[in-house]
C-alpha atoms as a PDB file:
ATOM      1  CA  MET A   1     117.555 103.653 161.240  1.00  0.00           C
ATOM      2  CA  ALA A   2     114.232 105.511 161.167  1.00  0.00           C
ATOM      3  CA  ARG A   3     111.845 104.672 158.372  1.00  0.00           C
ATOM      4  CA  LYS A   4     111.486 107.385 155.740  1.00  0.00           C
ATOM      5  CA  HIS A   5     108.071 108.823 155.074  1.00  0.00           C
ATOM      6  CA  GLY A   6     106.811 110.976 152.220  1.00  0.00           C
ATOM      7  CA  PRO A   7     105.903 110.774 148.543  1.00  0.00           C
ATOM      8  CA  PHE A   8     109.372 109.539 147.523  1.00  0.00           C
ATOM      9  CA  ALA A   9     109.637 106.751 150.051  1.00  0.00           C
ATOM     10  CA  THR A  10     110.604 103.352 148.626  1.00  0.00           C
ATOM     11  CA  PHE A  11     107.602 101.334 147.417  1.00  0.00           C
ATOM     12  CA  ASN A  12     105.224 104.211 148.016  1.00  0.00           C
ATOM     13  CA  PRO A  13     101.823 102.814 146.949  1.00  0.00           C
ATOM     14  CA  TRP A  14     100.708 106.128 145.406  1.00  0.00           C
ATOM     15  CA  ILE A  15     103.709 106.345 143.118  1.00  0.00           C
ATOM     16  CA  LEU A  16     103.452 102.697 142.144  1.00  0.00           C
ATOM     17  CA  GLY A  17      99.742 103.095 141.445  1.00  0.00           C
ATOM     18  CA  SER A  18     100.305 106.184 139.295  1.00  0.00           C
ATOM     19  CA  ILE A  19     102.996 104.451 137.263  1.00  0.00           C
ATOM     20  CA  CYS A  20     100.764 101.444 136.732  1.00  0.00           C
ATOM     21  CA  LEU A  21      97.865 103.649 135.604  1.00  0.00           C
ATOM     22  CA  ILE A  22     100.093 105.463 133.094  1.00  0.00           C
ATOM     23  CA  VAL A  23     101.434 102.199 131.692  1.00  0.00           C
ATOM     24  CA  VAL A  24      97.921 100.768 131.376  1.00  0.00           C
ATOM     25  CA  PHE A  25      96.729 103.986 129.726  1.00  0.00           C
ATOM     26  CA  TRP A  26      99.505 103.867 127.097  1.00  0.00           C
ATOM     27  CA  ILE A  27      98.922 100.175 126.435  1.00  0.00           C
ATOM     28  CA  LEU A  28      95.211 100.787 125.878  1.00  0.00           C
ATOM     29  CA  SER A  29      95.962 103.808 123.671  1.00  0.00           C
ATOM     30  CA  ILE A  30      98.298 101.768 121.496  1.00  0.00           C
ATOM     31  CA  VAL A  31      95.828  98.889 121.197  1.00  0.00           C
ATOM     32  CA  VAL A  32      92.871 101.157 120.408  1.00  0.00           C
ATOM     33  CA  GLY A  33      94.657 103.739 118.245  1.00  0.00           C
ATOM     34  CA  PHE A  34      97.033 101.512 116.317  1.00  0.00           C
ATOM     35  CA  LEU A  35      95.157  98.213 116.087  1.00  0.00           C
ATOM     36  CA  TRP A  36      91.420  98.270 116.830  1.00  0.00           C
ATOM     37  CA  TYR A  37      90.403 101.639 115.326  1.00  0.00           C
ATOM     38  CA  PRO A  38      92.381 101.256 112.060  1.00  0.00           C
ATOM     39  CA  ALA A  39      91.073  97.724 111.610  1.00  0.00           C
ATOM     40  CA  VAL A  40      87.448  98.847 112.059  1.00  0.00           C
ATOM     41  CA  ALA A  41      87.843 101.961 109.914  1.00  0.00           C
ATOM     42  CA  GLU A  42      89.540  99.913 107.213  1.00  0.00           C
ATOM     43  CA  GLY A  43      86.506  97.665 106.949  1.00  0.00           C
ATOM     44  CA  VAL A  44      84.174 100.647 106.692  1.00  0.00           C
ATOM     45  CA  ALA A  45      86.362 102.313 104.081  1.00  0.00           C
ATOM     46  CA  ALA A  46      86.444  99.179 101.994  1.00  0.00           C
ATOM     47  CA  GLY A  47      82.646  99.127 101.746  1.00  0.00           C
ATOM     48  CA  THR A  48      81.852 102.836 101.427  1.00  0.00           C
ATOM     49  CA  ASN A  49      84.993 104.387  99.884  1.00  0.00           C
ATOM     50  CA  LYS A  50      85.378 106.412 103.051  1.00  0.00           C
ATOM     51  CA  PRO A  51      88.597 108.503 103.080  1.00  0.00           C
ATOM     52  CA  VAL A  52      91.340 106.969 105.165  1.00  0.00           C
ATOM     53  CA  GLY A  53      92.324 108.842 108.329  1.00  0.00           C
ATOM     54  CA  LEU A  54      95.743 109.766 109.597  1.00  0.00           C
ATOM     55  CA  LEU A  55      95.866 106.939 112.134  1.00  0.00           C
ATOM     56  CA  GLN A  56      95.181 104.339 109.466  1.00  0.00           C
ATOM     57  CA  LEU A  57      97.988 105.702 107.344  1.00  0.00           C
ATOM     58  CA  ILE A  58     100.381 105.658 110.309  1.00  0.00           C
ATOM     59  CA  CYS A  59      99.435 102.108 111.190  1.00  0.00           C
ATOM     60  CA  GLY A  60      99.732 101.015 107.588  1.00  0.00           C
ATOM     61  CA  GLY A  61     103.163 102.556 107.354  1.00  0.00           C
ATOM     62  CA  LEU A  62     104.250 100.740 110.527  1.00  0.00           C
ATOM     63  CA  GLY A  63     102.853  97.452 109.228  1.00  0.00           C
ATOM     64  CA  PHE A  64     100.257  96.978 111.982  1.00  0.00           C
ATOM     65  CA  VAL A  65      97.265  96.699 109.640  1.00  0.00           C
ATOM     66  CA  ASP A  66      96.626  95.650 106.058  1.00  0.00           C
ATOM     67  CA  THR A  67      96.380  98.772 103.875  1.00  0.00           C
ATOM     68  CA  GLN A  68      95.230  96.968 100.728  1.00  0.00           C
ATOM     69  CA  ALA A  69      91.635  98.147 101.106  1.00  0.00           C
ATOM     70  CA  TYR A  70      92.475 101.822 100.804  1.00  0.00           C
ATOM     71  CA  ARG A  71      95.638 101.445  98.719  1.00  0.00           C
ATOM     72  CA  THR A  72      93.503 100.363  95.781  1.00  0.00           C
ATOM     73  CA  GLN A  73      91.120 103.334  95.956  1.00  0.00           C
ATOM     74  CA  PRO A  74      91.454 105.550  92.840  1.00  0.00           C
ATOM     75  CA  GLY A  75      93.092 108.930  93.254  1.00  0.00           C
ATOM     76  CA  PRO A  76      91.937 112.169  91.659  1.00  0.00           C
ATOM     77  CA  SER A  77      92.259 112.339  87.880  1.00  0.00           C
ATOM     78  CA  PRO A  78      94.994 114.681  86.614  1.00  0.00           C
ATOM     79  CA  PHE A  79      93.821 117.902  84.988  1.00  0.00           C
ATOM     80  CA  ILE A  80      94.937 118.210  81.366  1.00  0.00           C
ATOM     81  CA  SER A  81      95.026 121.751  79.975  1.00  0.00           C
ATOM     82  CA  SER A  82      95.140 120.771  76.305  1.00  0.00           C
ATOM     83  CA  ASP A  83      94.702 117.561  74.347  1.00  0.00           C
ATOM     84  CA  LEU A  84      97.005 118.724  71.550  1.00  0.00           C
ATOM     85  CA  ALA A  85     100.266 116.782  71.268  1.00  0.00           C
ATOM     86  CA  TRP A  86     103.081 118.602  69.465  1.00  0.00           C
ATOM     87  CA  THR A  87     104.264 115.608  67.463  1.00  0.00           C
ATOM     88  CA  ASP A  88     106.138 115.686  64.158  1.00  0.00           C
ATOM     89  CA  PRO A  89     102.999 114.707  62.165  1.00  0.00           C
ATOM     90  CA  THR A  90     101.106 117.580  63.840  1.00  0.00           C
ATOM     91  CA  TRP A  91     103.789 120.096  62.909  1.00  0.00           C
ATOM     92  CA  GLN A  92     103.909 118.762  59.364  1.00  0.00           C
ATOM     93  CA  GLN A  93     100.141 119.091  58.993  1.00  0.00           C
ATOM     94  CA  ILE A  94     100.235 122.688  60.275  1.00  0.00           C
ATOM     95  CA  ARG A  95     103.059 123.655  57.908  1.00  0.00           C
ATOM     96  CA  ASN A  96     101.283 122.052  54.916  1.00  0.00           C
ATOM     97  CA  GLY A  97      98.018 123.908  55.453  1.00  0.00           C
ATOM     98  CA  ASP A  98      96.338 125.014  52.207  1.00  0.00           C
ATOM     99  CA  VAL A  99      95.797 128.801  52.122  1.00  0.00           C
ATOM    100  CA  ARG A 100      93.189 128.689  49.343  1.00  0.00           C
ATOM    101  CA  ARG A 101      91.142 126.014  51.030  1.00  0.00           C
ATOM    102  CA  GLY A 102      91.500 127.907  54.298  1.00  0.00           C
ATOM    103  CA  ALA A 103      90.084 131.034  52.643  1.00  0.00           C
ATOM    104  CA  ALA A 104      86.959 129.069  51.728  1.00  0.00           C
ATOM    105  CA  ILE A 105      86.644 127.670  55.253  1.00  0.00           C
ATOM    106  CA  SER A 106      87.045 131.170  56.735  1.00  0.00           C
ATOM    107  CA  LEU A 107      83.868 132.409  54.992  1.00  0.00           C
ATOM    108  CA  SER A 108      81.867 131.128  57.955  1.00  0.00           C
ATOM    109  CA  CYS A 109      84.072 133.209  60.274  1.00  0.00           C
ATOM    110  CA  VAL A 110      83.670 136.569  58.502  1.00  0.00           C
ATOM    111  CA  ILE A 111      80.835 137.840  60.667  1.00  0.00           C
ATOM    112  CA  CYS A 112      83.097 137.933  63.749  1.00  0.00           C
ATOM    113  CA  HIS A 113      86.661 137.939  62.433  1.00  0.00           C
ATOM    114  CA  GLY A 114      86.158 139.980  59.287  1.00  0.00           C
ATOM    115  CA  PRO A 115      87.097 139.007  55.703  1.00  0.00           C
ATOM    116  CA  GLN A 116      90.843 139.130  56.458  1.00  0.00           C
ATOM    117  CA  GLY A 117      91.020 138.182  60.117  1.00  0.00           C
ATOM    118  CA  ILE A 118      90.501 141.640  61.647  1.00  0.00           C
ATOM    119  CA  GLY A 119      87.939 141.414  64.439  1.00  0.00           C
ATOM    120  CA  THR A 120      84.671 143.314  64.130  1.00  0.00           C
ATOM    121  CA  ALA A 121      84.311 143.960  67.886  1.00  0.00           C
ATOM    122  CA  ASP A 122      86.670 144.915  70.677  1.00  0.00           C
ATOM    123  CA  TYR A 123      86.203 141.582  72.475  1.00  0.00           C
ATOM    124  CA  ILE A 124      87.077 139.502  69.383  1.00  0.00           C
ATOM    125  CA  PRO A 125      90.754 138.707  68.677  1.00  0.00           C
ATOM    126  CA  ASN A 126      92.490 139.714  65.464  1.00  0.00           C
ATOM    127  CA  LEU A 127      93.634 136.629  63.548  1.00  0.00           C
ATOM    128  CA  ALA A 128      95.476 138.385  60.724  1.00  0.00           C
ATOM    129  CA  GLY A 129      99.130 137.405  60.701  1.00  0.00           C
ATOM    130  CA  LEU A 130      98.968 135.139  63.746  1.00  0.00           C
ATOM    131  CA  PRO A 131     101.359 132.158  63.733  1.00  0.00           C
ATOM    132  CA  ARG A 132      99.763 129.050  62.275  1.00  0.00           C
ATOM    133  CA  GLU A 133     100.490 126.938  65.334  1.00  0.00           C
ATOM    134  CA  VAL A 134      98.774 129.441  67.632  1.00  0.00           C
ATOM    135  CA  ILE A 135      95.523 129.379  65.637  1.00  0.00           C
ATOM    136  CA  TYR A 136      95.658 125.583  65.261  1.00  0.00           C
ATOM    137  CA  LYS A 137      96.190 125.080  68.995  1.00  0.00           C
ATOM    138  CA  GLU A 138      93.308 127.339  70.005  1.00  0.00           C
ATOM    139  CA  LEU A 139      90.951 125.730  67.487  1.00  0.00           C
ATOM    140  CA  THR A 140      91.891 122.318  68.862  1.00  0.00           C
ATOM    141  CA  ASP A 141      91.188 123.469  72.416  1.00  0.00           C
ATOM    142  CA  PHE A 142      87.818 124.906  71.377  1.00  0.00           C
ATOM    143  CA  ARG A 143      86.934 121.641  69.632  1.00  0.00           C
ATOM    144  CA  THR A 144      87.843 119.500  72.648  1.00  0.00           C
ATOM    145  CA  GLY A 145      86.289 121.865  75.186  1.00  0.00           C
ATOM    146  CA  LYS A 146      89.592 122.732  76.860  1.00  0.00           C
ATOM    147  CA  ARG A 147      88.816 126.363  76.072  1.00  0.00           C
ATOM    148  CA  ASN A 148      85.209 127.425  76.466  1.00  0.00           C
ATOM    149  CA  TYR A 149      83.342 129.948  74.364  1.00  0.00           C
ATOM    150  CA  VAL A 150      79.958 128.781  73.119  1.00  0.00           C
ATOM    151  CA  VAL A 151      80.212 130.194  69.598  1.00  0.00           C
ATOM    152  CA  MET A 152      83.741 128.936  68.990  1.00  0.00           C
ATOM    153  CA  ASN A 153      83.020 125.543  70.556  1.00  0.00           C
ATOM    154  CA  ALA A 154      80.171 125.077  68.080  1.00  0.00           C
ATOM    155  CA  VAL A 155      82.256 126.231  65.100  1.00  0.00           C
ATOM    156  CA  ALA A 156      85.306 124.130  65.972  1.00  0.00           C
ATOM    157  CA  ALA A 157      83.219 121.005  66.577  1.00  0.00           C
ATOM    158  CA  GLY A 158      82.626 120.714  62.832  1.00  0.00           C
ATOM    159  CA  LEU A 159      86.268 121.143  61.801  1.00  0.00           C
ATOM    160  CA  SER A 160      88.679 118.346  61.014  1.00  0.00           C
ATOM    161  CA  ASP A 161      92.415 118.530  61.710  1.00  0.00           C
ATOM    162  CA  GLN A 162      92.999 119.410  58.060  1.00  0.00           C
ATOM    163  CA  ASP A 163      90.316 122.124  58.174  1.00  0.00           C
ATOM    164  CA  MET A 164      92.020 123.732  61.157  1.00  0.00           C
ATOM    165  CA  ALA A 165      95.439 123.575  59.495  1.00  0.00           C
ATOM    166  CA  ASP A 166      94.067 125.202  56.331  1.00  0.00           C
ATOM    167  CA  ALA A 167      92.213 127.932  58.232  1.00  0.00           C
ATOM    168  CA  ALA A 168      95.359 128.648  60.273  1.00  0.00           C
ATOM    169  CA  ALA A 169      97.393 128.913  57.058  1.00  0.00           C
ATOM    170  CA  TYR A 170      94.927 131.405  55.579  1.00  0.00           C
ATOM    171  CA  TYR A 171      94.760 133.713  58.594  1.00  0.00           C
ATOM    172  CA  ALA A 172      98.535 133.592  59.016  1.00  0.00           C
ATOM    173  CA  SER A 173      98.838 134.893  55.440  1.00  0.00           C
ATOM    174  CA  CYS A 174      96.476 137.848  55.956  1.00  0.00           C
ATOM    175  CA  PRO A 175      98.149 141.303  56.031  1.00  0.00           C
ATOM    176  CA  GLN A 176      98.415 143.343  59.215  1.00  0.00           C
ATOM    177  CA  GLU A 177      98.765 146.805  57.682  1.00  0.00           C
ATOM    178  CA  ASN A 178      95.433 147.962  59.073  1.00  0.00           C
ATOM    179  CA  LEU A 179      96.438 147.083  62.622  1.00  0.00           C
ATOM    180  CA  THR A 180      98.371 149.538  64.763  1.00  0.00           C
ATOM    181  CA  ASN A 181     101.357 148.418  66.797  1.00  0.00           C
ATOM    182  CA  ASN A 182     101.104 150.903  69.636  1.00  0.00           C
ATOM    183  CA  GLY A 183      99.020 150.577  72.752  1.00  0.00           C
ATOM    184  CA  THR A 184      96.306 153.030  73.684  1.00  0.00           C
ATOM    185  CA  ALA A 185      98.143 154.259  76.780  1.00  0.00           C
ATOM    186  CA  ALA A 186     101.491 155.978  77.173  1.00  0.00           C
ATOM    187  CA  PRO A 187     104.227 153.712  78.591  1.00  0.00           C
ATOM    188  CA  ASP A 188     104.092 153.641  82.366  1.00  0.00           C
ATOM    189  CA  GLU A 189     107.300 152.878  84.257  1.00  0.00           C
ATOM    190  CA  HIS A 190     105.697 150.218  86.450  1.00  0.00           C
ATOM    191  CA  ILE A 191     103.797 148.548  83.599  1.00  0.00           C
ATOM    192  CA  ASN A 192     106.808 148.726  81.292  1.00  0.00           C
ATOM    193  CA  ARG A 193     108.964 147.077  83.955  1.00  0.00           C
ATOM    194  CA  LEU A 194     106.256 144.466  84.566  1.00  0.00           C
ATOM    195  CA  PHE A 195     106.291 143.619  80.863  1.00  0.00           C
ATOM    196  CA  THR A 196     110.063 143.530  80.373  1.00  0.00           C
ATOM    197  CA  ASP A 197     111.348 142.391  83.796  1.00  0.00           C
ATOM    198  CA  GLY A 198     108.350 141.090  85.728  1.00  0.00           C
ATOM    199  CA  ASP A 199     108.152 141.366  89.509  1.00  0.00           C
ATOM    200  CA  PRO A 200     110.503 138.868  91.226  1.00  0.00           C
ATOM    201  CA  ILE A 201     109.227 139.783  94.692  1.00  0.00           C
ATOM    202  CA  ARG A 202     105.735 138.542  93.759  1.00  0.00           C
ATOM    203  CA  ASN A 203     107.118 135.776  91.528  1.00  0.00           C
ATOM    204  CA  VAL A 204     105.581 137.381  88.433  1.00  0.00           C
ATOM    205  CA  VAL A 205     107.426 136.354  85.270  1.00  0.00           C
ATOM    206  CA  ALA A 206     107.930 139.056  82.649  1.00  0.00           C
ATOM    207  CA  CYS A 207     105.484 138.979  79.733  1.00  0.00           C
ATOM    208  CA  ALA A 208     108.443 139.330  77.358  1.00  0.00           C
ATOM    209  CA  ALA A 209     109.939 136.058  78.612  1.00  0.00           C
ATOM    210  CA  CYS A 210     107.308 134.077  76.688  1.00  0.00           C
ATOM    211  CA  HIS A 211     105.788 136.585  74.270  1.00  0.00           C
ATOM    212  CA  GLY A 212     108.999 138.318  73.180  1.00  0.00           C
ATOM    213  CA  PRO A 213     110.417 141.789  73.941  1.00  0.00           C
ATOM    214  CA  GLU A 214     108.128 143.375  71.335  1.00  0.00           C
ATOM    215  CA  GLY A 215     105.088 141.319  72.278  1.00  0.00           C
ATOM    216  CA  LEU A 216     105.789 138.995  69.349  1.00  0.00           C
ATOM    217  CA  LYS A 217     107.567 135.659  69.493  1.00  0.00           C
ATOM    218  CA  ALA A 218     107.277 132.638  67.227  1.00  0.00           C
ATOM    219  CA  GLY A 219     105.026 129.995  68.714  1.00  0.00           C
ATOM    220  CA  ALA A 220     103.504 132.283  71.359  1.00  0.00           C
ATOM    221  CA  PRO A 221     100.225 134.196  71.047  1.00  0.00           C
ATOM    222  CA  PRO A 222     101.097 137.811  70.168  1.00  0.00           C
ATOM    223  CA  LEU A 223     100.101 140.514  72.619  1.00  0.00           C
ATOM    224  CA  ILE A 224     100.300 143.508  70.309  1.00  0.00           C
ATOM    225  CA  ARG A 225      97.744 144.236  67.602  1.00  0.00           C
ATOM    226  CA  GLN A 226      94.988 142.771  69.774  1.00  0.00           C
ATOM    227  CA  PRO A 227      91.974 144.746  71.067  1.00  0.00           C
ATOM    228  CA  VAL A 228      92.348 146.166  74.562  1.00  0.00           C
ATOM    229  CA  GLN A 229      89.091 144.634  75.747  1.00  0.00           C
ATOM    230  CA  TYR A 230      90.056 141.204  74.418  1.00  0.00           C
ATOM    231  CA  LEU A 231      93.419 141.257  76.226  1.00  0.00           C
ATOM    232  CA  SER A 232      91.755 142.421  79.421  1.00  0.00           C
ATOM    233  CA  ASN A 233      89.078 139.720  79.172  1.00  0.00           C
ATOM    234  CA  GLN A 234      91.645 136.945  78.691  1.00  0.00           C
ATOM    235  CA  LEU A 235      93.866 138.100  81.560  1.00  0.00           C
ATOM    236  CA  ASN A 236      90.840 138.233  83.841  1.00  0.00           C
ATOM    237  CA  ALA A 237      89.724 134.800  82.633  1.00  0.00           C
ATOM    238  CA  PHE A 238      93.128 133.334  83.498  1.00  0.00           C
ATOM    239  CA  CYS A 239      93.050 135.135  86.848  1.00  0.00           C
ATOM    240  CA  GLN A 240      89.589 133.810  87.734  1.00  0.00           C
ATOM    241  CA  GLY A 241      90.286 130.309  86.397  1.00  0.00           C
ATOM    242  CA  THR A 242      87.547 130.415  83.741  1.00  0.00           C
ATOM    243  CA  ARG A 243      90.172 129.912  81.034  1.00  0.00           C
ATOM    244  CA  THR A 244      92.413 126.923  81.713  1.00  0.00           C
ATOM    245  CA  ASN A 245      93.983 125.861  78.413  1.00  0.00           C
ATOM    246  CA  ASP A 246      97.417 127.272  79.299  1.00  0.00           C
ATOM    247  CA  ILE A 247      99.822 124.340  79.490  1.00  0.00           C
ATOM    248  CA  ASN A 248     101.562 124.057  82.888  1.00  0.00           C
ATOM    249  CA  ARG A 249      99.304 126.847  84.257  1.00  0.00           C
ATOM    250  CA  GLN A 250     101.843 129.506  83.317  1.00  0.00           C
ATOM    251  CA  MET A 251      99.269 132.201  82.545  1.00  0.00           C
ATOM    252  CA  ARG A 252      97.035 131.375  85.490  1.00  0.00           C
ATOM    253  CA  LEU A 253      99.938 131.542  87.922  1.00  0.00           C
ATOM    254  CA  ILE A 254     100.966 134.951  86.614  1.00  0.00           C
ATOM    255  CA  ALA A 255      97.499 136.470  86.220  1.00  0.00           C
ATOM    256  CA  THR A 256      96.440 135.574  89.761  1.00  0.00           C
ATOM    257  CA  ARG A 257      99.342 137.655  91.093  1.00  0.00           C
ATOM    258  CA  LEU A 258      98.360 140.774  89.145  1.00  0.00           C
ATOM    259  CA  THR A 259      96.023 143.401  90.520  1.00  0.00           C
ATOM    260  CA  PRO A 260      92.892 144.394  88.546  1.00  0.00           C
ATOM    261  CA  ASP A 261      94.500 147.777  87.851  1.00  0.00           C
ATOM    262  CA  GLU A 262      97.663 146.130  86.499  1.00  0.00           C
ATOM    263  CA  ILE A 263      95.590 143.906  84.195  1.00  0.00           C
ATOM    264  CA  LYS A 264      93.724 146.937  82.872  1.00  0.00           C
ATOM    265  CA  ARG A 265      96.883 148.985  82.326  1.00  0.00           C
ATOM    266  CA  LEU A 266      98.762 146.076  80.709  1.00  0.00           C
ATOM    267  CA  ALA A 267      95.907 145.605  78.239  1.00  0.00           C
ATOM    268  CA  GLU A 268      95.906 149.319  77.441  1.00  0.00           C
ATOM    269  CA  TYR A 269      99.694 149.333  77.092  1.00  0.00           C
ATOM    270  CA  LEU A 270      99.751 146.442  74.617  1.00  0.00           C
ATOM    271  CA  GLY A 271      96.390 146.574  72.902  1.00  0.00           C
ATOM    272  CA  THR A 272      94.906 148.537  70.057  1.00  0.00           C
ATOM    273  CA  GLU A 273      91.519 150.072  69.443  1.00  0.00           C
ATOM    274  CA  GLY A 274      92.058 150.280  65.698  1.00  0.00           C
ATOM    275  CA  SER A 275      90.748 146.810  64.859  1.00  0.00           C
ATOM    276  CA  LYS A 276      87.107 147.707  65.359  1.00  0.00           C
ATOM    277  CA  THR A 277      87.100 150.428  62.730  1.00  0.00           C
ATOM    278  CA  ALA A 278      89.536 148.589  60.461  1.00  0.00           C
ATOM    279  CA  GLY A 279      87.274 145.554  60.407  1.00  0.00           C
ATOM    280  CA  ARG A 280      84.430 147.694  59.124  1.00  0.00           C
END
């Protein structure tokens, strides 16, 4: 029988050589990638806190190298939106706030919030009639720096828990007769739907879901009877991430999905311009 010739002939040296080269290549790749490189990088990471690469993680998961050096490295600290804990003693302290003592404490707030909690400028919130827990929570966040506004941070820094509970009790008792309920703009179909139903396509939750169908809901900051400019400023602050004291990021997640025009029209729909003149 004639001997076969060609690339597929039995014991062809070229095929055998190629197979051997591939096997050697894979062996070297495994040794370098899964043993030598992770071992070297692990030593560097242990001395310099260098981030661990993907190969080290793979090798650690397969048990080829000791991952103790980078397992013990600290992870990023969790971001906490508010330091206030809604415990039973906290609720009891808020409910037992002294209105008369709060009236005395509020004397230092008159220049901005007026004698009865009606703001003197369109960028200052109206405190008259706000729920006690809302005022107490915001004062706590100002005191701890979870909400930043230089003036309020300085004021809140000198208040005790009892002071904040008393001030909240006073402002919650102030009348709201001088504040209008209607927004400055006529109801717009899109904005009205955004407020009552949200926008499921963009994953925008309705404002009414948390703040109530009339913009008022116990335990939630009211949206009506607030100055247009103040509402607009806060929505923009949540959108830009300069205000971060919303627990679970609910306001930031919503505000970042709103357009600047929607923020402006929502503020006009809900807000009032009557507080500025009423405060005077």
